[in-house]
């Protein structure tokens, strides 16, 4: 399965459009992770705990997007867009959307 942010795939032709597909992931951060991230913010540096959580959410959303495209018989998703939102006090939502297509 090809996932791309572009509207085309070089050297391949779109033969069928199967529709818009979306994958979402909402991840919560626990209290211990929040505490250590706060310390990192105070003393400087990167928050590895949050970076890891963000990566997990992104991978989950993209996997769900891919699975939904495959269920429609697509072999690619073009125009993929990733959106990030904070929900509540400590929830992170990642949404991936794109157009499921069949490439020759």
Foldseek 3Di string as FASTA:
>chain_A
DAEEQAPDDPPKDFPWWLFKFKFKDKDFDDPVLVVVCVVCVVVDDDSPSVVVVVVVGVVRGVVRRVVVLVVSVAPYWYNWDWDWDDDPDGMIMIMIMTIGTHID
